[in-house]
């Protein structure tokens, strides 16, 4: 029934996600979008913007790792016999908008701290997406009567297992590096230099 009197109701479209397998593919698609967006747009722009050499080095290193992560997500699609396809990652878009807004309102001396906070927020979002995909894949394996989950190796193929391990550890490792590098950015700025 339409909420507008006299107007016909909108047609009901069939669900796009009809199985747990479809949901896993959506999660992998979101991960692919996250990794590719970070590797192609976000991290390169951040490297160009950063003034702190130590933080710039950490972000540059993470950029290279992120490129490898995108390849591993593609490998996970291959393990599921599916062509890689990105899906919307609304949380990443929201974090980007939040960072942009905060940068506009923040004095230049404090902007490295804003960048660190944004980077850590993005890493947590990424870790959450990996963990959700891993748990869903584990549940799919259990539902199939003990068959190996789609992300586990079959016939000696270790790439899928590497993807799983990388997904669990990559974000946490980078987050630790970001925390260490960002700790100096959160120190009280020398405001006397601004006058």
N, C-alpha and C. Protein backbone atom coordinates (compact mmCIF):
# COMPACT_ATOMS: atom_id res chain seq x y z
N UNK A 1 0.84 -1.18 0.00
CA UNK A 1 0.00 0.00 0.00
C UNK A 1 0.88 1.24 0.00
N UNK A 2 0.51 2.22 -0.80
CA UNK A 2 1.28 3.46 -0.90
C UNK A 2 0.97 4.36 0.27
N UNK A 3 1.98 5.09 0.71
CA UNK A 3 1.80 6.05 1.78
C UNK A 3 1.12 7.31 1.26
N UNK A 4 1.09 7.50 -0.06
CA UNK A 4 0.47 8.67 -0.68
C UNK A 4 -0.91 8.27 -1.19
N UNK A 5 -1.99 8.94 -0.68
CA UNK A 5 -3.34 8.59 -1.13
C UNK A 5 -3.48 8.74 -2.64
N UNK A 6 -4.11 7.75 -3.28
CA UNK A 6 -4.36 7.78 -4.71
C UNK A 6 -3.18 7.34 -5.56
N UNK A 7 -2.06 7.04 -4.95
CA UNK A 7 -0.89 6.60 -5.72
C UNK A 7 -0.72 5.10 -5.54
N UNK A 8 -0.38 4.43 -6.62
CA UNK A 8 -0.19 2.98 -6.58
C UNK A 8 1.07 2.65 -5.77
N UNK A 9 1.05 1.53 -5.05
CA UNK A 9 2.24 1.15 -4.29
C UNK A 9 3.40 0.81 -5.20
N UNK A 10 4.58 1.06 -4.71
CA UNK A 10 5.79 0.73 -5.47
C UNK A 10 5.88 -0.78 -5.60
N UNK A 11 6.34 -1.26 -6.76
CA UNK A 11 6.45 -2.72 -6.93
C UNK A 11 7.52 -3.29 -5.99
N UNK A 12 7.26 -4.46 -5.49
CA UNK A 12 8.22 -5.15 -4.64
C UNK A 12 9.25 -5.85 -5.51
N UNK A 13 10.51 -5.51 -5.33
CA UNK A 13 11.58 -6.18 -6.07
C UNK A 13 12.01 -7.41 -5.28
N UNK A 14 12.42 -8.45 -5.98
CA UNK A 14 12.89 -9.63 -5.26
C UNK A 14 14.19 -9.31 -4.52
N UNK A 15 14.44 -9.98 -3.43
CA UNK A 15 15.68 -9.72 -2.69
C UNK A 15 16.90 -10.02 -3.56
N UNK A 16 17.92 -9.21 -3.42
CA UNK A 16 19.18 -9.42 -4.14
C UNK A 16 20.02 -10.50 -3.46
N UNK A 17 19.87 -10.60 -2.15
CA UNK A 17 20.63 -11.57 -1.36
C UNK A 17 19.65 -12.61 -0.86
N UNK A 18 19.79 -13.84 -1.40
CA UNK A 18 18.83 -14.88 -1.07
C UNK A 18 19.44 -16.05 -0.32
N UNK A 19 20.75 -16.01 -0.10
CA UNK A 19 21.40 -17.11 0.61
C UNK A 19 22.59 -16.57 1.39
N UNK A 20 23.08 -17.40 2.31
CA UNK A 20 24.27 -17.02 3.07
C UNK A 20 25.47 -16.89 2.13
N UNK A 21 25.52 -17.71 1.09
CA UNK A 21 26.59 -17.61 0.10
C UNK A 21 26.55 -16.24 -0.58
N UNK A 22 25.35 -15.78 -0.96
CA UNK A 22 25.20 -14.45 -1.56
C UNK A 22 25.67 -13.37 -0.59
N UNK A 23 25.33 -13.54 0.68
CA UNK A 23 25.74 -12.57 1.69
C UNK A 23 27.26 -12.53 1.82
N UNK A 24 27.90 -13.69 1.77
CA UNK A 24 29.36 -13.74 1.82
C UNK A 24 29.96 -13.02 0.61
N UNK A 25 29.39 -13.22 -0.56
CA UNK A 25 29.88 -12.53 -1.75
C UNK A 25 29.71 -11.01 -1.60
N UNK A 26 28.61 -10.59 -0.98
CA UNK A 26 28.42 -9.15 -0.73
C UNK A 26 29.49 -8.62 0.21
N UNK A 27 29.79 -9.38 1.27
CA UNK A 27 30.82 -8.95 2.22
C UNK A 27 32.18 -8.86 1.53
N UNK A 28 32.49 -9.86 0.70
CA UNK A 28 33.76 -9.81 -0.04
C UNK A 28 33.77 -8.63 -1.01
N UNK A 29 32.63 -8.35 -1.63
CA UNK A 29 32.53 -7.19 -2.52
C UNK A 29 32.77 -5.89 -1.79
N UNK A 30 32.24 -5.80 -0.58
CA UNK A 30 32.47 -4.61 0.23
C UNK A 30 33.95 -4.49 0.57
N UNK A 31 34.57 -5.61 0.94
CA UNK A 31 36.01 -5.61 1.24
C UNK A 31 36.82 -5.18 0.02
N UNK A 32 36.45 -5.66 -1.15
CA UNK A 32 37.16 -5.28 -2.36
C UNK A 32 37.05 -3.77 -2.59
N UNK A 33 35.86 -3.23 -2.40
CA UNK A 33 35.67 -1.78 -2.54
C UNK A 33 36.52 -1.01 -1.53
N UNK A 34 36.53 -1.48 -0.29
CA UNK A 34 37.31 -0.81 0.75
C UNK A 34 38.79 -0.81 0.36
N UNK A 35 39.32 -1.98 0.04
CA UNK A 35 40.75 -2.09 -0.25
C UNK A 35 41.12 -1.28 -1.50
N UNK A 36 40.33 -1.37 -2.55
CA UNK A 36 40.65 -0.64 -3.77
C UNK A 36 40.49 0.87 -3.59
N UNK A 37 39.50 1.30 -2.86
CA UNK A 37 39.32 2.73 -2.60
C UNK A 37 40.50 3.27 -1.79
N UNK A 38 40.90 2.52 -0.78
CA UNK A 38 42.04 2.95 0.02
C UNK A 38 43.31 2.99 -0.83
N UNK A 39 43.52 1.97 -1.66
CA UNK A 39 44.76 1.86 -2.45
C UNK A 39 44.82 2.87 -3.60
N UNK A 40 43.69 3.18 -4.19
CA UNK A 40 43.70 4.03 -5.38
C UNK A 40 43.45 5.50 -5.09
N UNK A 41 42.69 5.80 -4.02
CA UNK A 41 42.33 7.20 -3.78
C UNK A 41 42.76 7.71 -2.42
N UNK A 42 42.32 7.05 -1.37
CA UNK A 42 42.46 7.61 -0.03
C UNK A 42 43.91 7.69 0.42
N UNK A 43 44.60 6.57 0.41
CA UNK A 43 45.98 6.56 0.92
C UNK A 43 46.94 7.38 0.07
N UNK A 44 46.88 7.32 -1.27
CA UNK A 44 47.78 8.18 -2.04
C UNK A 44 47.55 9.67 -1.75
N UNK A 45 46.29 10.07 -1.60
CA UNK A 45 46.00 11.48 -1.28
C UNK A 45 46.54 11.84 0.10
N UNK A 46 46.40 10.93 1.05
CA UNK A 46 46.88 11.18 2.40
C UNK A 46 48.41 11.30 2.42
N UNK A 47 49.09 10.45 1.68
CA UNK A 47 50.56 10.52 1.61
C UNK A 47 51.00 11.89 1.07
N UNK A 48 50.31 12.37 0.03
CA UNK A 48 50.66 13.67 -0.54
C UNK A 48 50.41 14.81 0.46
N UNK A 49 49.39 14.66 1.28
CA UNK A 49 48.99 15.73 2.21
C UNK A 49 49.83 15.77 3.48
N UNK A 50 50.31 14.63 3.92
CA UNK A 50 51.01 14.56 5.21
C UNK A 50 52.34 15.32 5.18
N UNK A 51 52.63 15.98 6.27
CA UNK A 51 53.89 16.71 6.42
C UNK A 51 54.88 15.94 7.29
N UNK A 52 54.37 15.17 8.24
CA UNK A 52 55.21 14.42 9.17
C UNK A 52 55.83 13.23 8.43
N UNK A 53 57.17 13.19 8.38
CA UNK A 53 57.87 12.14 7.63
C UNK A 53 57.59 10.74 8.18
N UNK A 54 57.55 10.60 9.50
CA UNK A 54 57.32 9.28 10.09
C UNK A 54 55.92 8.77 9.76
N UNK A 55 54.94 9.63 9.90
CA UNK A 55 53.56 9.24 9.59
C UNK A 55 53.42 8.97 8.09
N UNK A 56 54.07 9.78 7.27
CA UNK A 56 54.03 9.58 5.82
C UNK A 56 54.61 8.20 5.47
N UNK A 57 55.69 7.79 6.15
CA UNK A 57 56.29 6.49 5.89
C UNK A 57 55.34 5.35 6.28
N UNK A 58 54.67 5.49 7.42
CA UNK A 58 53.72 4.46 7.86
C UNK A 58 52.57 4.33 6.86
N UNK A 59 52.04 5.45 6.43
CA UNK A 59 50.92 5.42 5.49
C UNK A 59 51.38 4.87 4.13
N UNK A 60 52.59 5.24 3.69
CA UNK A 60 53.13 4.69 2.44
C UNK A 60 53.28 3.18 2.51
N UNK A 61 53.77 2.71 3.63
CA UNK A 61 53.93 1.27 3.83
C UNK A 61 52.56 0.58 3.82
N UNK A 62 51.60 1.21 4.47
CA UNK A 62 50.25 0.65 4.50
C UNK A 62 49.64 0.64 3.10
N UNK A 63 49.95 1.62 2.29
CA UNK A 63 49.46 1.66 0.91
C UNK A 63 49.91 0.40 0.16
N UNK A 64 51.17 0.04 0.31
CA UNK A 64 51.67 -1.16 -0.37
C UNK A 64 50.98 -2.42 0.16
N UNK A 65 50.78 -2.49 1.47
CA UNK A 65 50.08 -3.64 2.06
C UNK A 65 48.64 -3.71 1.56
N UNK A 66 48.00 -2.55 1.44
CA UNK A 66 46.60 -2.51 1.01
C UNK A 66 46.46 -3.02 -0.41
N UNK A 67 47.41 -2.71 -1.27
CA UNK A 67 47.37 -3.23 -2.64
C UNK A 67 47.40 -4.76 -2.62
N UNK A 68 48.23 -5.33 -1.74
CA UNK A 68 48.30 -6.79 -1.61
C UNK A 68 46.99 -7.35 -1.05
N UNK A 69 46.38 -6.63 -0.11
CA UNK A 69 45.11 -7.08 0.47
C UNK A 69 44.03 -7.17 -0.61
N UNK A 70 43.99 -6.20 -1.50
CA UNK A 70 43.00 -6.23 -2.58
C UNK A 70 43.19 -7.49 -3.43
N UNK A 71 44.42 -7.85 -3.68
CA UNK A 71 44.70 -9.08 -4.43
C UNK A 71 44.22 -10.31 -3.69
N UNK A 72 44.37 -10.30 -2.38
CA UNK A 72 43.91 -11.45 -1.59
C UNK A 72 42.39 -11.56 -1.59
N UNK A 73 41.71 -10.42 -1.58
CA UNK A 73 40.25 -10.46 -1.66
C UNK A 73 39.83 -11.05 -3.02
N UNK A 74 40.54 -10.66 -4.07
CA UNK A 74 40.24 -11.24 -5.40
C UNK A 74 40.48 -12.74 -5.38
N UNK A 75 41.53 -13.18 -4.65
CA UNK A 75 41.78 -14.62 -4.52
C UNK A 75 40.63 -15.33 -3.81
N UNK A 76 40.04 -14.66 -2.82
CA UNK A 76 38.90 -15.25 -2.11
C UNK A 76 37.72 -15.43 -3.07
N UNK A 77 37.49 -14.45 -3.94
CA UNK A 77 36.45 -14.61 -4.96
C UNK A 77 36.76 -15.81 -5.84
N UNK A 78 38.03 -15.94 -6.25
CA UNK A 78 38.42 -17.05 -7.12
C UNK A 78 38.18 -18.39 -6.42
N UNK A 79 38.45 -18.46 -5.11
CA UNK A 79 38.23 -19.69 -4.36
C UNK A 79 36.75 -20.06 -4.34
N UNK A 80 35.89 -19.06 -4.51
CA UNK A 80 34.44 -19.29 -4.55
C UNK A 80 33.94 -19.40 -5.99
N UNK A 81 34.85 -19.49 -6.95
CA UNK A 81 34.49 -19.58 -8.37
C UNK A 81 33.56 -18.45 -8.81
N UNK A 82 33.89 -17.23 -8.37
CA UNK A 82 33.07 -16.06 -8.67
C UNK A 82 33.98 -14.93 -9.13
N UNK A 83 33.54 -14.20 -10.13
CA UNK A 83 34.30 -13.03 -10.59
C UNK A 83 34.26 -11.94 -9.51
N UNK A 84 35.40 -11.31 -9.23
CA UNK A 84 35.41 -10.23 -8.23
C UNK A 84 34.49 -9.08 -8.64
N UNK A 85 33.73 -8.60 -7.69
CA UNK A 85 32.80 -7.51 -7.94
C UNK A 85 32.66 -6.67 -6.69
N UNK A 86 32.98 -5.38 -6.79
CA UNK A 86 32.86 -4.49 -5.64
C UNK A 86 31.40 -4.22 -5.28
N UNK A 87 31.18 -3.93 -4.02
CA UNK A 87 29.85 -3.59 -3.50
C UNK A 87 29.98 -2.29 -2.71
N UNK A 88 28.89 -1.59 -2.47
CA UNK A 88 28.97 -0.34 -1.71
C UNK A 88 29.58 -0.54 -0.32
N UNK A 89 30.38 0.42 0.08
CA UNK A 89 30.98 0.44 1.42
C UNK A 89 30.63 1.79 2.04
N UNK A 90 29.38 1.91 2.44
CA UNK A 90 28.86 3.19 2.94
C UNK A 90 29.60 3.69 4.16
N UNK A 91 30.06 2.77 4.99
CA UNK A 91 30.80 3.18 6.19
C UNK A 91 32.09 3.90 5.83
N UNK A 92 32.77 3.44 4.80
CA UNK A 92 34.00 4.08 4.35
C UNK A 92 33.71 5.48 3.84
N UNK A 93 32.64 5.61 3.08
CA UNK A 93 32.24 6.94 2.59
C UNK A 93 31.94 7.87 3.75
N UNK A 94 31.24 7.36 4.75
CA UNK A 94 30.91 8.17 5.93
C UNK A 94 32.15 8.60 6.70
N UNK A 95 33.11 7.68 6.84
CA UNK A 95 34.35 8.03 7.53
C UNK A 95 35.12 9.09 6.76
N UNK A 96 35.09 9.01 5.43
CA UNK A 96 35.76 10.03 4.62
C UNK A 96 35.12 11.40 4.78
N UNK A 97 33.80 11.44 4.79
CA UNK A 97 33.09 12.71 4.99
C UNK A 97 33.37 13.27 6.38
N UNK A 98 33.40 12.40 7.37
CA UNK A 98 33.68 12.83 8.73
C UNK A 98 35.08 13.46 8.82
N UNK A 99 36.07 12.81 8.20
CA UNK A 99 37.43 13.33 8.20
C UNK A 99 37.49 14.69 7.50
N UNK A 100 36.86 14.80 6.33
CA UNK A 100 36.88 16.06 5.59
C UNK A 100 36.29 17.20 6.41
N UNK A 101 35.19 16.92 7.06
CA UNK A 101 34.54 17.93 7.90
C UNK A 101 35.45 18.33 9.06
N UNK A 102 36.07 17.34 9.70
CA UNK A 102 36.95 17.63 10.83
C UNK A 102 38.17 18.42 10.40
N UNK A 103 38.74 18.11 9.24
CA UNK A 103 39.91 18.84 8.73
C UNK A 103 39.57 20.31 8.52
N UNK A 104 38.39 20.58 7.95
CA UNK A 104 37.96 21.96 7.69
C UNK A 104 37.87 22.77 8.98
N UNK A 105 37.49 22.12 10.08
CA UNK A 105 37.28 22.82 11.34
C UNK A 105 38.52 22.84 12.24
N UNK A 106 39.61 22.23 11.80
CA UNK A 106 40.77 22.05 12.67
C UNK A 106 41.93 22.91 12.19
N UNK A 107 42.59 23.54 13.16
CA UNK A 107 43.75 24.36 12.81
C UNK A 107 44.86 23.45 12.26
N UNK A 108 45.68 23.98 11.36
CA UNK A 108 46.69 23.16 10.68
C UNK A 108 47.60 22.36 11.61
N UNK A 109 47.98 22.91 12.74
CA UNK A 109 48.89 22.19 13.65
C UNK A 109 48.27 20.92 14.21
N UNK A 110 46.93 20.84 14.24
CA UNK A 110 46.25 19.68 14.80
C UNK A 110 45.77 18.70 13.74
N UNK A 111 45.93 19.01 12.48
CA UNK A 111 45.43 18.15 11.41
C UNK A 111 46.08 16.77 11.37
N UNK A 112 47.37 16.63 11.70
CA UNK A 112 47.90 15.26 11.74
C UNK A 112 47.14 14.36 12.72
N UNK A 113 46.68 14.92 13.82
CA UNK A 113 45.90 14.13 14.78
C UNK A 113 44.56 13.72 14.17
N UNK A 114 43.95 14.61 13.41
CA UNK A 114 42.69 14.28 12.73
C UNK A 114 42.94 13.15 11.73
N UNK A 115 44.05 13.24 10.98
CA UNK A 115 44.37 12.19 10.01
C UNK A 115 44.61 10.85 10.70
N UNK A 116 45.29 10.88 11.85
CA UNK A 116 45.52 9.64 12.59
C UNK A 116 44.21 9.03 13.07
N UNK A 117 43.34 9.86 13.61
CA UNK A 117 42.05 9.37 14.09
C UNK A 117 41.25 8.77 12.94
N UNK A 118 41.27 9.44 11.79
CA UNK A 118 40.54 8.93 10.62
C UNK A 118 41.13 7.61 10.14
N UNK A 119 42.46 7.52 10.14
CA UNK A 119 43.11 6.27 9.70
C UNK A 119 42.75 5.12 10.64
N UNK A 120 42.75 5.39 11.93
CA UNK A 120 42.41 4.32 12.89
C UNK A 120 40.94 3.92 12.75
N UNK A 121 40.06 4.88 12.52
CA UNK A 121 38.66 4.55 12.31
C UNK A 121 38.46 3.69 11.07
N UNK A 122 39.19 4.02 10.02
CA UNK A 122 39.11 3.23 8.79
C UNK A 122 39.62 1.82 9.01
N UNK A 123 40.72 1.69 9.75
CA UNK A 123 41.26 0.36 10.04
C UNK A 123 40.27 -0.49 10.83
N UNK A 124 39.61 0.12 11.81
CA UNK A 124 38.62 -0.63 12.59
C UNK A 124 37.46 -1.08 11.69
N UNK A 125 37.02 -0.22 10.79
CA UNK A 125 35.95 -0.56 9.85
C UNK A 125 36.40 -1.74 8.97
N UNK A 126 37.62 -1.67 8.49
CA UNK A 126 38.16 -2.72 7.64
C UNK A 126 38.28 -4.05 8.40
N UNK A 127 38.80 -4.00 9.61
CA UNK A 127 38.92 -5.21 10.44
C UNK A 127 37.55 -5.83 10.68
N UNK A 128 36.56 -4.99 10.97
CA UNK A 128 35.20 -5.48 11.20
C UNK A 128 34.66 -6.18 9.95
N UNK A 129 34.91 -5.60 8.78
CA UNK A 129 34.42 -6.21 7.54
C UNK A 129 35.08 -7.56 7.30
N UNK A 130 36.39 -7.66 7.56
CA UNK A 130 37.07 -8.95 7.41
C UNK A 130 36.51 -9.97 8.40
N UNK A 131 36.35 -9.56 9.64
CA UNK A 131 35.87 -10.49 10.66
C UNK A 131 34.45 -10.98 10.32
N UNK A 132 33.61 -10.09 9.82
CA UNK A 132 32.24 -10.49 9.43
C UNK A 132 32.28 -11.52 8.31
N UNK A 133 33.14 -11.30 7.31
CA UNK A 133 33.24 -12.25 6.19
C UNK A 133 33.79 -13.59 6.67
N UNK A 134 34.77 -13.55 7.55
CA UNK A 134 35.36 -14.79 8.07
C UNK A 134 34.33 -15.58 8.86
N UNK A 135 33.59 -14.92 9.73
CA UNK A 135 32.57 -15.62 10.53
C UNK A 135 31.46 -16.18 9.65
N UNK A 136 31.07 -15.44 8.65
CA UNK A 136 30.04 -15.94 7.74
C UNK A 136 30.55 -17.16 6.97
N UNK A 137 31.80 -17.10 6.51
CA UNK A 137 32.37 -18.25 5.80
C UNK A 137 32.47 -19.45 6.73
N UNK A 138 32.84 -19.23 7.99
CA UNK A 138 32.89 -20.32 8.96
C UNK A 138 31.50 -20.93 9.14
N UNK A 139 30.48 -20.08 9.26
CA UNK A 139 29.11 -20.57 9.43
C UNK A 139 28.66 -21.34 8.20
N UNK A 140 29.01 -20.89 7.02
CA UNK A 140 28.66 -21.62 5.80
C UNK A 140 29.27 -23.01 5.80
N UNK A 141 30.50 -23.12 6.25
CA UNK A 141 31.15 -24.43 6.32
C UNK A 141 30.43 -25.35 7.28
N UNK A 142 29.97 -24.84 8.41
CA UNK A 142 29.25 -25.65 9.39
C UNK A 142 27.89 -26.09 8.83
N UNK A 143 27.22 -25.20 8.09
CA UNK A 143 25.91 -25.52 7.52
C UNK A 143 26.01 -26.62 6.46
N UNK A 144 27.18 -26.74 5.84
CA UNK A 144 27.34 -27.71 4.77
C UNK A 144 27.78 -29.07 5.32
N UNK A 145 27.48 -29.34 6.58
CA UNK A 145 27.75 -30.64 7.15
C UNK A 145 29.23 -30.95 7.31
N UNK A 146 29.99 -29.96 7.69
CA UNK A 146 31.40 -30.18 7.95
C UNK A 146 32.29 -30.04 6.73
N UNK A 147 31.71 -29.68 5.59
CA UNK A 147 32.55 -29.44 4.41
C UNK A 147 33.43 -28.24 4.68
N UNK A 148 34.59 -28.19 4.07
CA UNK A 148 35.45 -27.03 4.31
C UNK A 148 34.75 -25.75 3.90
N UNK A 149 34.86 -24.70 4.71
CA UNK A 149 34.26 -23.43 4.32
C UNK A 149 34.85 -22.95 3.00
N UNK A 150 34.12 -22.11 2.26
CA UNK A 150 34.58 -21.69 0.95
C UNK A 150 35.93 -20.99 0.97
N UNK A 151 36.36 -20.47 2.10
CA UNK A 151 37.61 -19.75 2.16
C UNK A 151 38.78 -20.65 2.55
N UNK A 152 38.50 -21.93 2.82
CA UNK A 152 39.57 -22.86 3.19
C UNK A 152 40.16 -23.49 1.93
N UNK A 153 41.40 -23.95 2.02
CA UNK A 153 42.04 -24.53 0.83
C UNK A 153 41.35 -25.81 0.38
N UNK A 154 41.29 -25.99 -0.92
CA UNK A 154 40.77 -27.21 -1.52
C UNK A 154 41.81 -27.69 -2.51
N UNK A 155 42.11 -28.96 -2.46
CA UNK A 155 43.05 -29.51 -3.42
C UNK A 155 44.43 -28.88 -3.34
N UNK A 156 44.87 -28.52 -2.16
CA UNK A 156 46.21 -27.97 -2.00
C UNK A 156 46.30 -26.47 -2.28
N UNK A 157 45.19 -25.82 -2.60
CA UNK A 157 45.23 -24.38 -2.87
C UNK A 157 45.30 -23.63 -1.55
N UNK A 158 46.43 -23.02 -1.27
CA UNK A 158 46.64 -22.32 0.00
C UNK A 158 46.30 -20.83 -0.08
N UNK A 159 46.03 -20.31 -1.28
CA UNK A 159 45.76 -18.88 -1.39
C UNK A 159 44.55 -18.44 -0.57
N UNK A 160 43.49 -19.24 -0.57
CA UNK A 160 42.30 -18.86 0.17
C UNK A 160 42.59 -18.82 1.67
N UNK A 161 43.35 -19.78 2.16
CA UNK A 161 43.70 -19.78 3.59
C UNK A 161 44.56 -18.57 3.93
N UNK A 162 45.46 -18.20 3.00
CA UNK A 162 46.29 -17.02 3.23
C UNK A 162 45.43 -15.76 3.29
N UNK A 163 44.39 -15.71 2.47
CA UNK A 163 43.48 -14.57 2.49
C UNK A 163 42.84 -14.44 3.86
N UNK A 164 42.40 -15.57 4.39
CA UNK A 164 41.76 -15.56 5.70
C UNK A 164 42.72 -15.09 6.78
N UNK A 165 43.92 -15.65 6.80
CA UNK A 165 44.92 -15.24 7.80
C UNK A 165 45.27 -13.77 7.63
N UNK A 166 45.44 -13.34 6.39
CA UNK A 166 45.80 -11.95 6.14
C UNK A 166 44.71 -11.01 6.61
N UNK A 167 43.47 -11.40 6.36
CA UNK A 167 42.35 -10.57 6.78
C UNK A 167 42.30 -10.38 8.27
N UNK A 168 42.65 -11.42 9.01
CA UNK A 168 42.63 -11.32 10.47
C UNK A 168 43.78 -10.50 11.01
N UNK A 169 44.96 -10.64 10.40
CA UNK A 169 46.13 -10.01 10.99
C UNK A 169 46.52 -8.69 10.36
N UNK A 170 46.21 -8.48 9.09
CA UNK A 170 46.72 -7.29 8.40
C UNK A 170 46.22 -6.01 9.04
N UNK A 171 44.93 -5.92 9.26
CA UNK A 171 44.38 -4.70 9.84
C UNK A 171 44.92 -4.44 11.23
N UNK A 172 45.01 -5.49 12.04
CA UNK A 172 45.52 -5.31 13.40
C UNK A 172 46.98 -4.88 13.41
N UNK A 173 47.79 -5.44 12.51
CA UNK A 173 49.20 -5.07 12.43
C UNK A 173 49.35 -3.62 12.03
N UNK A 174 48.61 -3.20 11.02
CA UNK A 174 48.71 -1.82 10.57
C UNK A 174 48.18 -0.87 11.64
N UNK A 175 47.11 -1.27 12.31
CA UNK A 175 46.56 -0.43 13.37
C UNK A 175 47.59 -0.19 14.46
N UNK A 176 48.37 -1.21 14.81
CA UNK A 176 49.42 -1.06 15.81
C UNK A 176 50.46 -0.05 15.32
N UNK A 177 50.85 -0.15 14.05
CA UNK A 177 51.81 0.80 13.50
C UNK A 177 51.27 2.21 13.48
N UNK A 178 50.00 2.36 13.11
CA UNK A 178 49.39 3.68 13.11
C UNK A 178 49.33 4.27 14.51
N UNK A 179 48.98 3.44 15.49
CA UNK A 179 48.94 3.93 16.87
C UNK A 179 50.29 4.47 17.29
N UNK A 180 51.34 3.72 17.00
CA UNK A 180 52.69 4.14 17.39
C UNK A 180 53.06 5.44 16.70
N UNK A 181 52.80 5.54 15.41
CA UNK A 181 53.17 6.74 14.67
C UNK A 181 52.30 7.93 15.02
N UNK A 182 51.05 7.66 15.31
CA UNK A 182 50.14 8.76 15.59
C UNK A 182 50.27 9.30 17.02
N UNK A 183 50.91 8.55 17.89
CA UNK A 183 50.98 8.99 19.29
C UNK A 183 51.63 10.36 19.40
N UNK A 184 52.60 10.68 18.56
CA UNK A 184 53.23 11.99 18.62
C UNK A 184 52.31 13.06 18.06
N UNK A 185 51.42 12.71 17.15
CA UNK A 185 50.50 13.70 16.58
C UNK A 185 49.46 14.15 17.58
N UNK A 186 49.20 13.34 18.58
CA UNK A 186 48.20 13.71 19.57
C UNK A 186 48.79 14.52 20.72
N UNK A 187 50.10 14.75 20.67
CA UNK A 187 50.74 15.57 21.69
C UNK A 187 50.26 17.01 21.55
N UNK A 188 50.33 17.75 22.63
CA UNK A 188 49.91 19.15 22.62
C UNK A 188 50.74 19.92 21.59
N UNK A 189 50.10 20.61 20.66
CA UNK A 189 50.86 21.34 19.64
C UNK A 189 51.51 22.58 20.23
N UNK A 190 52.59 23.02 19.61
CA UNK A 190 53.25 24.24 20.00
C UNK A 190 52.51 25.41 19.32
N UNK A 191 51.58 26.00 20.04
CA UNK A 191 50.75 27.05 19.46
C UNK A 191 51.51 28.36 19.29
N UNK A 192 52.66 28.49 19.92
CA UNK A 192 53.43 29.74 19.80
C UNK A 192 53.94 29.91 18.37
N UNK A 193 54.10 28.79 17.64
CA UNK A 193 54.59 28.90 16.26
C UNK A 193 53.55 29.53 15.34
N UNK A 194 52.30 29.56 15.75
CA UNK A 194 51.24 30.06 14.90
C UNK A 194 51.09 31.58 15.00
N UNK A 195 51.66 32.17 16.07
CA UNK A 195 51.45 33.61 16.23
C UNK A 195 52.47 34.42 15.48
